[in-house]
Protein backbone atom coordinates (compact mmCIF):
# COMPACT_ATOMS: atom_id res chain seq x y z
CA MET A 1 63.40 138.71 114.09
CA ASN A 2 66.91 139.95 113.32
CA ASN A 3 68.09 138.13 110.20
CA GLN A 4 71.37 140.00 109.86
CA ALA A 5 74.58 138.03 109.38
CA LEU A 6 76.86 137.92 112.38
CA LEU A 7 80.14 139.64 111.47
CA LYS A 8 82.61 140.00 114.34
CA ASN A 9 86.22 141.08 114.72
CA TRP A 10 88.59 140.40 117.60
CA VAL A 11 92.02 142.02 117.63
CA VAL A 12 94.42 139.40 118.97
CA GLY A 13 98.06 138.94 119.89
CA PRO A 14 101.17 141.11 120.05
CA PHE A 15 100.87 141.92 116.33
CA GLN A 16 97.23 143.04 116.71
CA CYS A 17 95.82 140.70 114.08
CA ASN A 18 92.18 141.08 113.09
CA CYS A 19 90.47 137.72 113.68
CA ARG A 20 87.14 137.76 111.82
CA LEU A 21 83.96 135.73 112.23
CA ILE A 22 81.35 135.32 109.50
CA SER A 23 78.14 133.55 110.54
CA CYS A 24 75.01 132.82 108.53
CA PRO A 25 71.95 134.09 110.43
CA LYS A 26 69.67 131.29 109.25
CA THR A 27 71.86 128.24 109.87
CA GLY A 28 74.51 129.43 112.33
CA GLU A 29 77.19 127.93 110.08
CA SER A 30 80.31 130.06 110.41
CA VAL A 31 83.92 130.54 109.38
CA LEU A 32 86.72 132.11 111.37
CA ILE A 33 89.40 134.01 109.46
CA ASP A 34 92.97 134.27 110.78
CA PRO A 35 92.83 133.04 114.39
CA GLY A 36 96.33 134.29 115.08
CA HIS A 37 96.72 134.30 118.85
CA ASP A 38 95.02 133.74 122.20
CA ALA A 39 92.90 130.66 121.53
CA PRO A 40 91.21 130.74 124.98
CA ARG A 41 89.89 134.25 124.36
CA ILE A 42 88.70 133.37 120.87
CA LEU A 43 87.00 130.20 122.13
CA LYS A 44 85.21 132.11 124.88
CA SER A 45 84.02 134.72 122.40
CA LEU A 46 82.79 132.04 119.99
CA SER A 47 80.89 130.29 122.77
CA GLU A 48 78.98 133.51 123.44
CA GLN A 49 77.76 133.95 119.86
CA ARG A 50 74.21 133.00 118.94
CA THR A 51 72.03 132.89 115.84
CA PRO A 52 68.96 135.18 115.73
CA SER A 53 66.93 132.25 117.06
CA GLY A 54 69.27 131.90 120.04
CA ALA A 55 71.06 128.73 118.92
CA PRO A 56 74.86 128.39 119.23
CA ILE A 57 76.88 128.91 116.07
CA SER A 58 78.89 126.13 114.40
CA VAL A 59 82.35 126.94 113.04
CA LYS A 60 82.93 124.94 109.85
CA TYR A 61 86.30 126.30 108.72
CA LEU A 62 89.34 128.16 110.02
CA LEU A 63 90.37 130.12 106.93
CA HIS A 64 93.83 131.66 106.70
CA THR A 65 94.76 134.51 104.40
CA HIS A 66 98.40 133.40 104.71
CA GLY A 67 100.79 131.40 106.85
CA HIS A 68 102.58 133.97 108.98
CA LEU A 69 102.65 133.30 112.73
CA ASP A 70 100.35 136.18 113.68
CA HIS A 71 97.57 134.75 111.49
CA VAL A 72 97.84 131.05 112.36
CA GLY A 73 99.15 130.87 115.92
CA ALA A 74 95.81 129.98 117.56
CA SER A 75 94.52 127.57 114.92
CA ARG A 76 95.52 124.47 116.85
CA GLY A 77 93.91 125.66 120.07
CA VAL A 78 90.70 126.79 118.39
CA LYS A 79 90.25 123.55 116.46
CA GLN A 80 90.93 121.40 119.49
CA GLY A 81 88.67 123.53 121.66
CA ARG A 82 85.58 123.31 119.45
CA ILE A 83 83.40 120.19 119.47
CA GLU A 84 82.82 120.46 115.71
CA ALA A 85 86.62 120.49 115.04
CA PRO A 86 86.60 123.05 112.20
CA GLN A 87 88.81 122.33 109.20
CA ILE A 88 92.06 124.32 108.87
CA LEU A 89 92.46 125.64 105.32
CA MET A 90 94.95 127.86 103.49
CA HIS A 91 96.56 128.10 100.06
CA ARG A 92 99.12 125.37 99.45
CA GLY A 93 101.75 128.01 98.63
CA ASP A 94 101.95 128.90 102.33
CA GLU A 95 101.92 125.40 103.78
CA PRO A 96 105.73 125.50 104.37
CA LEU A 97 105.35 128.75 106.36
CA TYR A 98 102.51 127.28 108.38
CA LEU A 99 104.42 124.10 109.19
CA ASN A 100 107.40 126.21 110.35
CA LEU A 101 105.31 128.03 112.96
CA ILE A 102 107.69 127.12 115.80
CA GLN A 103 110.67 128.51 113.90
CA GLN A 104 108.76 131.65 112.96
CA GLY A 105 107.97 132.22 116.62
CA GLN A 106 111.58 131.76 117.69
CA LEU A 107 112.61 134.67 115.48
CA PHE A 108 110.24 136.93 117.45
CA GLY A 109 110.83 135.38 120.88
CA LEU A 110 107.43 133.67 120.89
CA GLN A 111 106.66 130.04 121.70
CA TYR A 112 104.11 127.91 119.85
CA GLU A 113 103.08 124.29 119.80
CA ALA A 114 103.58 122.43 116.54
CA PRO A 115 100.71 123.23 114.15
CA LEU A 116 98.10 120.64 113.29
CA PRO A 117 98.15 119.28 109.72
CA LEU A 118 96.12 121.26 107.24
CA ASP A 119 92.76 119.73 106.39
CA GLY A 120 92.79 121.05 102.84
CA PHE A 121 93.86 123.83 100.52
CA LEU A 122 92.22 127.00 99.27
CA GLU A 123 92.29 127.36 95.49
CA ASP A 124 91.98 130.51 93.40
CA GLU A 125 88.32 131.22 92.54
CA GLN A 126 87.12 128.46 94.86
CA GLN A 127 83.59 129.00 96.18
CA ILE A 128 82.91 128.42 99.88
CA ALA A 129 79.38 128.21 101.28
CA VAL A 130 78.84 129.58 104.78
CA GLY A 131 75.29 128.45 105.29
CA GLU A 132 73.45 130.62 102.76
CA LEU A 133 76.30 133.14 102.51
CA LYS A 134 78.93 132.82 99.80
CA LEU A 135 82.69 133.38 99.90
CA SER A 136 85.16 133.13 97.05
CA VAL A 137 88.94 132.82 97.15
CA ILE A 138 91.23 135.26 95.33
CA HIS A 139 94.89 134.20 95.19
CA THR A 140 96.97 137.36 95.71
CA PRO A 141 100.62 136.25 96.04
CA GLY A 142 103.31 138.73 96.99
CA HIS A 143 103.21 139.29 100.73
CA SER A 144 103.70 135.53 100.80
CA PRO A 145 103.49 132.88 98.06
CA GLY A 146 100.09 131.65 99.21
CA SER A 147 98.45 134.89 100.27
CA VAL A 148 94.75 134.99 99.48
CA CYS A 149 91.90 137.45 99.87
CA LEU A 150 88.45 136.16 100.78
CA ARG A 151 85.50 137.83 99.07
CA LEU A 152 82.18 137.78 100.90
CA HIS A 153 79.48 138.30 98.30
CA GLU A 154 76.65 140.74 98.85
CA ASP A 155 73.48 139.32 100.39
CA SER A 156 70.84 141.96 100.98
CA GLN A 157 68.56 139.62 102.94
CA ALA A 158 71.37 138.97 105.45
CA GLY A 159 72.48 142.62 105.49
CA VAL A 160 75.84 141.75 103.93
CA HIS A 161 77.66 144.20 101.67
CA GLU A 162 80.31 143.17 99.18
CA THR A 163 83.36 142.67 101.41
CA LEU A 164 86.98 141.69 100.89
CA TYR A 165 89.05 140.17 103.69
CA SER A 166 92.44 141.25 102.38
CA GLY A 167 94.84 139.68 104.86
CA ASP A 168 98.18 141.48 104.80
CA THR A 169 98.05 142.38 101.11
CA LEU A 170 96.16 145.68 101.34
CA PHE A 171 95.63 147.97 104.33
CA GLN A 172 94.05 151.35 104.85
CA GLY A 173 96.63 153.69 103.32
CA SER A 174 99.29 151.00 103.05
CA VAL A 175 100.25 147.63 101.59
CA GLY A 176 101.82 144.44 102.88
CA ARG A 177 105.45 143.98 103.82
CA THR A 178 107.69 142.25 101.31
CA ASP A 179 110.75 141.68 103.52
CA LEU A 180 109.49 138.42 105.03
CA TRP A 181 109.74 134.77 103.99
CA GLY A 182 108.85 134.16 100.35
CA ALA A 183 107.68 137.71 99.69
CA ASP A 184 107.88 139.36 96.27
CA GLN A 185 107.15 143.09 95.98
CA GLU A 186 106.54 143.14 92.23
CA GLN A 187 104.19 140.19 92.51
CA MET A 188 102.27 141.80 95.39
CA PHE A 189 101.64 145.04 93.51
CA ALA A 190 100.54 143.04 90.47
CA SER A 191 98.09 141.14 92.68
CA ILE A 192 96.69 144.35 94.17
CA HIS A 193 96.21 146.06 90.83
CA SER A 194 94.82 143.07 88.92
CA ARG A 195 92.81 141.25 91.61
CA ILE A 196 91.73 143.87 94.17
CA LEU A 197 91.52 147.31 92.57
CA THR A 198 89.41 145.82 89.76
CA LEU A 199 86.59 145.10 92.24
CA ASP A 200 83.69 147.52 92.69
CA GLU A 201 84.86 150.71 94.39
CA ASP A 202 82.29 150.37 97.17
CA THR A 203 83.68 146.97 98.18
CA HIS A 204 84.33 147.05 101.92
CA VAL A 205 87.94 146.01 102.68
CA CYS A 206 88.73 144.30 106.00
CA PRO A 207 92.52 144.02 106.37
CA GLY A 208 94.48 141.67 108.58
CA HIS A 209 95.60 144.58 110.76
CA GLY A 210 94.25 148.04 111.41
CA PRO A 211 91.01 149.75 110.37
CA ASP A 212 88.68 148.85 107.52
CA THR A 213 88.55 150.77 104.26
CA TYR A 214 87.06 150.62 100.73
CA VAL A 215 88.50 149.68 97.36
CA GLY A 216 87.67 153.08 95.83
CA LEU A 217 89.27 154.95 98.71
CA GLU A 218 92.50 153.00 98.33
CA LYS A 219 92.53 153.52 94.55
CA ARG A 220 92.33 157.27 95.03
CA GLN A 221 94.28 157.90 98.23
CA ASN A 222 96.67 155.05 99.05
CA PRO A 223 100.14 156.60 98.54
CA PHE A 224 101.60 153.21 97.53
CA LEU A 225 99.10 152.77 94.71
CA ILE A 226 98.78 156.21 93.07
């Protein structure tokens, strides 16, 4: 039997956000990271996912690396479209951005429904169980006040390597913008150097946009960091 964790990515919306699924192979318990756009497509894709035993998955949380429109725009639709009604979580520093989703959209000519209330807040160093898999929260302010990275800890039995979901803080060969609401360039670079580049160099990095990379590669080759 295949006991590998289910790790999926769907690129969604006009800003091409990476929407990521992490699912425990034994229990089917799952989290969805940054459902930013196109709830019907995401819901259809989720309905097609199965555990190794063939059972449907259950989405426990919608986790948000930050509150910008392209990372939260489908949260309402996904929560309301799933029978288990997954909890919507983000760092409290970005709650004002999240609650201003309609206004964010207006600036880009996009229309959104009012967001649902948050079900809770992500805290720095918080541990999140995804079935038998383990995530931890790393607060990395700068791109936005409440930006976080989500660290998926290695689990050899589930075929999981050490992985960092970096949101819009670190990209392959680039870093996050700091010309948006609440951004702080100095703070963002401090977060990258003290909270991300200190991780093992073989840590797989899954950004909020664009291709994946590795911590060591970015330490050596990212022109914004060397």
